Amino acid sequence: MLHDIESPYGNIDHIVIGKNNGIFLLETKAHGGKVTIERGHTLGQREATEKDFIAQCLRNTYWLRDEVEKVVGLKPWISPILVFTNAFISATRPVKV
C-alpha cells in the first residue's frame, strides 16, 4: 500500500496493489452531511461540492495508469474508489462517467 502520492491533480490518498486483484486508487474525503451523485457529479446538500471529487479521482486514475505504463510497458486496469469518511451517501451503484 502506498500513501500520499503527489500527482499533477492533487495527491492520491492511497494506492493498493493486490497480488492477484489489480490496483486500487482510493481518494478519501472528509466531506460531511449527505452526498448524492447526479449526472456524474457529487452534490452536498443539493449543491455542488467544493471540488468535483469524481473528476479528480478519474484524473488521478488516468495519470497513475500512464505512470505505471511508463515503468512496466502495460496499461493496467486501475479501480478508483471514492471514500467519504463522514457523510451519508445515497449512491447505490458504481458511478460511470
N, C-alpha and C. Protein backbone atom coordinates (compact mmCIF):
# COMPACT_ATOMS: atom_id res chain seq x y z
N MET A 1 0.85 -1.17 0.00
CA MET A 1 0.00 0.00 0.00
C MET A 1 0.90 1.23 0.00
N LEU A 2 0.55 2.22 -0.81
CA LEU A 2 1.26 3.49 -0.87
C LEU A 2 0.33 4.60 -0.41
N HIS A 3 0.89 5.64 0.19
CA HIS A 3 0.09 6.72 0.74
C HIS A 3 0.62 8.08 0.27
N ASP A 4 -0.29 9.02 0.08
CA ASP A 4 0.03 10.41 -0.24
C ASP A 4 1.01 10.53 -1.41
N ILE A 5 0.58 10.06 -2.56
CA ILE A 5 1.38 10.14 -3.77
C ILE A 5 1.02 11.43 -4.51
N GLU A 6 2.01 12.25 -4.79
CA GLU A 6 1.78 13.51 -5.50
C GLU A 6 1.50 13.25 -6.98
N SER A 7 0.52 13.95 -7.51
CA SER A 7 0.22 13.91 -8.94
C SER A 7 -0.05 15.34 -9.39
N PRO A 8 -0.11 15.57 -10.68
CA PRO A 8 -0.43 16.91 -11.15
C PRO A 8 -1.85 17.36 -10.78
N TYR A 9 -2.68 16.44 -10.29
CA TYR A 9 -4.08 16.73 -9.99
C TYR A 9 -4.38 16.68 -8.49
N GLY A 10 -3.38 16.86 -7.67
CA GLY A 10 -3.54 16.76 -6.22
C GLY A 10 -3.01 15.42 -5.78
N ASN A 11 -2.88 15.23 -4.48
CA ASN A 11 -2.30 13.97 -4.03
C ASN A 11 -3.31 12.83 -4.12
N ILE A 12 -2.77 11.64 -4.33
CA ILE A 12 -3.57 10.41 -4.28
C ILE A 12 -3.44 9.90 -2.85
N ASP A 13 -4.55 9.73 -2.18
CA ASP A 13 -4.50 9.35 -0.77
C ASP A 13 -3.89 7.97 -0.56
N HIS A 14 -4.38 6.98 -1.30
CA HIS A 14 -3.88 5.62 -1.10
C HIS A 14 -3.89 4.87 -2.43
N ILE A 15 -2.88 4.02 -2.62
CA ILE A 15 -2.84 3.09 -3.75
C ILE A 15 -2.64 1.70 -3.15
N VAL A 16 -3.54 0.80 -3.49
CA VAL A 16 -3.45 -0.57 -3.01
C VAL A 16 -3.14 -1.45 -4.21
N ILE A 17 -2.07 -2.22 -4.09
CA ILE A 17 -1.66 -3.12 -5.17
C ILE A 17 -1.84 -4.54 -4.67
N GLY A 18 -2.79 -5.24 -5.29
CA GLY A 18 -3.07 -6.60 -4.89
C GLY A 18 -2.25 -7.60 -5.68
N LYS A 19 -1.90 -8.69 -5.07
CA LYS A 19 -1.11 -9.72 -5.75
C LYS A 19 -1.87 -10.29 -6.94
N ASN A 20 -3.15 -10.54 -6.78
CA ASN A 20 -3.96 -11.13 -7.85
C ASN A 20 -5.13 -10.26 -8.29
N ASN A 21 -5.40 -9.18 -7.55
CA ASN A 21 -6.63 -8.44 -7.79
C ASN A 21 -6.44 -7.05 -8.37
N GLY A 22 -5.26 -6.71 -8.83
CA GLY A 22 -5.07 -5.44 -9.51
C GLY A 22 -4.69 -4.28 -8.61
N ILE A 23 -4.96 -3.08 -9.14
CA ILE A 23 -4.57 -1.85 -8.47
C ILE A 23 -5.84 -1.05 -8.14
N PHE A 24 -5.88 -0.53 -6.91
CA PHE A 24 -7.00 0.29 -6.46
C PHE A 24 -6.47 1.65 -6.06
N LEU A 25 -7.12 2.69 -6.52
CA LEU A 25 -6.79 4.06 -6.13
C LEU A 25 -7.90 4.54 -5.21
N LEU A 26 -7.54 4.93 -3.99
CA LEU A 26 -8.53 5.39 -3.02
C LEU A 26 -8.36 6.88 -2.76
N GLU A 27 -9.42 7.62 -3.01
CA GLU A 27 -9.48 9.04 -2.68
C GLU A 27 -10.37 9.17 -1.47
N THR A 28 -9.85 9.68 -0.38
CA THR A 28 -10.58 9.80 0.88
C THR A 28 -10.99 11.25 1.10
N LYS A 29 -12.27 11.47 1.36
CA LYS A 29 -12.80 12.82 1.57
C LYS A 29 -13.48 12.89 2.93
N ALA A 30 -13.25 13.98 3.65
CA ALA A 30 -13.85 14.18 4.97
C ALA A 30 -15.13 15.02 4.87
N HIS A 31 -15.66 15.19 3.68
CA HIS A 31 -16.87 15.97 3.47
C HIS A 31 -18.01 15.36 4.28
N GLY A 32 -18.73 16.17 5.03
CA GLY A 32 -19.81 15.67 5.88
C GLY A 32 -21.18 15.91 5.28
N GLY A 33 -22.19 15.43 5.98
CA GLY A 33 -23.57 15.61 5.55
C GLY A 33 -24.00 14.55 4.55
N LYS A 34 -24.99 14.89 3.74
CA LYS A 34 -25.50 13.98 2.74
C LYS A 34 -24.84 14.30 1.40
N VAL A 35 -24.34 13.27 0.74
CA VAL A 35 -23.71 13.43 -0.57
C VAL A 35 -24.50 12.59 -1.57
N THR A 36 -24.86 13.20 -2.68
CA THR A 36 -25.56 12.48 -3.74
C THR A 36 -24.74 12.59 -5.02
N ILE A 37 -25.08 11.76 -5.98
CA ILE A 37 -24.42 11.76 -7.28
C ILE A 37 -25.50 12.05 -8.32
N GLU A 38 -25.29 13.09 -9.11
CA GLU A 38 -26.22 13.42 -10.19
C GLU A 38 -25.43 13.75 -11.44
N ARG A 39 -25.77 13.03 -12.51
CA ARG A 39 -25.11 13.21 -13.80
C ARG A 39 -23.59 13.17 -13.70
N GLY A 40 -23.08 12.27 -12.85
CA GLY A 40 -21.64 12.08 -12.73
C GLY A 40 -20.91 13.09 -11.87
N HIS A 41 -21.65 13.90 -11.10
CA HIS A 41 -21.03 14.89 -10.22
C HIS A 41 -21.54 14.70 -8.79
N THR A 42 -20.68 15.00 -7.83
CA THR A 42 -21.08 14.89 -6.43
C THR A 42 -21.78 16.17 -5.99
N LEU A 43 -22.84 16.00 -5.22
CA LEU A 43 -23.58 17.12 -4.66
C LEU A 43 -23.67 16.94 -3.16
N GLY A 44 -23.48 18.04 -2.44
CA GLY A 44 -23.65 18.03 -0.99
C GLY A 44 -24.80 18.95 -0.65
N GLN A 45 -25.79 18.45 0.05
CA GLN A 45 -26.98 19.24 0.43
C GLN A 45 -27.59 19.96 -0.79
N ARG A 46 -27.66 19.25 -1.94
CA ARG A 46 -28.29 19.73 -3.18
C ARG A 46 -27.50 20.79 -3.94
N GLU A 47 -26.27 21.05 -3.55
CA GLU A 47 -25.43 21.97 -4.30
C GLU A 47 -24.09 21.30 -4.56
N ALA A 48 -23.38 21.79 -5.56
CA ALA A 48 -22.10 21.19 -5.92
C ALA A 48 -21.14 21.23 -4.73
N THR A 49 -20.39 20.15 -4.56
CA THR A 49 -19.38 20.10 -3.51
C THR A 49 -18.24 21.06 -3.87
N GLU A 50 -17.39 21.36 -2.89
CA GLU A 50 -16.33 22.35 -3.10
C GLU A 50 -15.37 21.97 -4.23
N LYS A 51 -15.24 20.69 -4.51
CA LYS A 51 -14.44 20.19 -5.62
C LYS A 51 -15.26 19.15 -6.35
N ASP A 52 -14.92 18.92 -7.62
CA ASP A 52 -15.55 17.83 -8.36
C ASP A 52 -14.76 16.56 -8.01
N PHE A 53 -15.18 15.88 -6.95
CA PHE A 53 -14.45 14.74 -6.43
C PHE A 53 -14.32 13.61 -7.46
N ILE A 54 -15.35 13.38 -8.23
CA ILE A 54 -15.32 12.30 -9.21
C ILE A 54 -14.31 12.61 -10.30
N ALA A 55 -14.33 13.84 -10.81
CA ALA A 55 -13.37 14.24 -11.85
C ALA A 55 -11.94 14.13 -11.33
N GLN A 56 -11.70 14.57 -10.10
CA GLN A 56 -10.36 14.48 -9.51
C GLN A 56 -9.91 13.02 -9.41
N CYS A 57 -10.80 12.17 -8.96
CA CYS A 57 -10.48 10.76 -8.82
C CYS A 57 -10.15 10.14 -10.18
N LEU A 58 -10.93 10.47 -11.20
CA LEU A 58 -10.68 9.92 -12.53
C LEU A 58 -9.40 10.47 -13.14
N ARG A 59 -9.12 11.76 -12.96
CA ARG A 59 -7.87 12.32 -13.49
C ARG A 59 -6.67 11.63 -12.85
N ASN A 60 -6.73 11.43 -11.54
CA ASN A 60 -5.64 10.73 -10.86
C ASN A 60 -5.51 9.28 -11.32
N THR A 61 -6.63 8.63 -11.59
CA THR A 61 -6.61 7.25 -12.07
C THR A 61 -5.92 7.16 -13.42
N TYR A 62 -6.28 8.04 -14.36
CA TYR A 62 -5.67 8.01 -15.69
C TYR A 62 -4.19 8.38 -15.62
N TRP A 63 -3.84 9.34 -14.76
CA TRP A 63 -2.45 9.73 -14.60
C TRP A 63 -1.64 8.54 -14.06
N LEU A 64 -2.16 7.86 -13.02
CA LEU A 64 -1.46 6.72 -12.44
C LEU A 64 -1.31 5.60 -13.46
N ARG A 65 -2.34 5.34 -14.23
CA ARG A 65 -2.26 4.30 -15.26
C ARG A 65 -1.13 4.59 -16.24
N ASP A 66 -1.03 5.87 -16.66
CA ASP A 66 0.02 6.25 -17.61
C ASP A 66 1.41 6.17 -16.98
N GLU A 67 1.53 6.51 -15.70
CA GLU A 67 2.81 6.42 -15.00
C GLU A 67 3.26 4.96 -14.85
N VAL A 68 2.33 4.08 -14.53
CA VAL A 68 2.66 2.66 -14.42
C VAL A 68 3.07 2.12 -15.78
N GLU A 69 2.38 2.53 -16.84
CA GLU A 69 2.72 2.08 -18.18
C GLU A 69 4.15 2.46 -18.56
N LYS A 70 4.59 3.64 -18.16
CA LYS A 70 5.97 4.07 -18.46
C LYS A 70 7.00 3.13 -17.85
N VAL A 71 6.66 2.55 -16.70
CA VAL A 71 7.60 1.68 -15.99
C VAL A 71 7.54 0.23 -16.47
N VAL A 72 6.32 -0.30 -16.62
CA VAL A 72 6.18 -1.73 -16.93
C VAL A 72 5.80 -2.02 -18.38
N GLY A 73 5.44 -0.99 -19.15
CA GLY A 73 5.12 -1.20 -20.56
C GLY A 73 3.71 -1.66 -20.84
N LEU A 74 2.88 -1.76 -19.83
CA LEU A 74 1.48 -2.17 -19.99
C LEU A 74 0.59 -1.19 -19.26
N LYS A 75 -0.61 -0.94 -19.84
CA LYS A 75 -1.59 -0.09 -19.15
C LYS A 75 -2.43 -0.97 -18.24
N PRO A 76 -2.26 -0.82 -16.94
CA PRO A 76 -3.04 -1.66 -16.03
C PRO A 76 -4.46 -1.13 -15.87
N TRP A 77 -5.36 -2.01 -15.47
CA TRP A 77 -6.70 -1.58 -15.08
C TRP A 77 -6.60 -1.12 -13.64
N ILE A 78 -7.02 0.12 -13.37
CA ILE A 78 -6.99 0.66 -12.02
C ILE A 78 -8.42 0.96 -11.62
N SER A 79 -8.83 0.44 -10.48
CA SER A 79 -10.19 0.67 -9.98
C SER A 79 -10.17 1.85 -9.01
N PRO A 80 -10.80 2.98 -9.40
CA PRO A 80 -10.85 4.12 -8.48
C PRO A 80 -11.99 3.95 -7.48
N ILE A 81 -11.70 4.30 -6.23
CA ILE A 81 -12.71 4.22 -5.17
C ILE A 81 -12.71 5.54 -4.43
N LEU A 82 -13.87 6.18 -4.37
CA LEU A 82 -14.05 7.45 -3.68
C LEU A 82 -14.68 7.15 -2.33
N VAL A 83 -13.97 7.50 -1.24
CA VAL A 83 -14.39 7.17 0.12
C VAL A 83 -14.74 8.45 0.87
N PHE A 84 -15.95 8.52 1.42
CA PHE A 84 -16.36 9.63 2.27
C PHE A 84 -16.38 9.11 3.70
N THR A 85 -15.55 9.70 4.56
CA THR A 85 -15.43 9.20 5.93
C THR A 85 -16.48 9.74 6.88
N ASN A 86 -17.17 10.80 6.47
CA ASN A 86 -18.09 11.46 7.40
C ASN A 86 -19.37 11.91 6.69
N ALA A 87 -19.87 11.10 5.79
CA ALA A 87 -21.05 11.51 5.01
C ALA A 87 -22.00 10.34 4.81
N PHE A 88 -23.26 10.68 4.56
CA PHE A 88 -24.26 9.70 4.15
C PHE A 88 -24.29 9.73 2.63
N ILE A 89 -24.09 8.59 2.00
CA ILE A 89 -24.04 8.50 0.54
C ILE A 89 -25.30 7.80 0.05
N SER A 90 -25.97 8.43 -0.91
CA SER A 90 -27.18 7.82 -1.43
C SER A 90 -26.95 7.00 -2.70
N ALA A 91 -25.75 7.04 -3.26
CA ALA A 91 -25.46 6.25 -4.45
C ALA A 91 -25.48 4.77 -4.10
N THR A 92 -26.14 3.98 -4.93
CA THR A 92 -26.26 2.55 -4.63
C THR A 92 -25.58 1.68 -5.68
N ARG A 93 -24.93 2.29 -6.64
CA ARG A 93 -24.26 1.52 -7.69
C ARG A 93 -23.00 2.28 -8.11
N PRO A 94 -22.10 1.61 -8.82
CA PRO A 94 -20.90 2.31 -9.28
C PRO A 94 -21.25 3.49 -10.17
N VAL A 95 -20.46 4.53 -10.11
CA VAL A 95 -20.65 5.72 -10.92
C VAL A 95 -19.80 5.57 -12.16
N LYS A 96 -20.40 5.71 -13.31
CA LYS A 96 -19.65 5.66 -14.57
C LYS A 96 -19.78 7.01 -15.23
N VAL A 97 -18.64 7.63 -15.52
CA VAL A 97 -18.63 8.97 -16.12
C VAL A 97 -18.05 8.88 -17.50
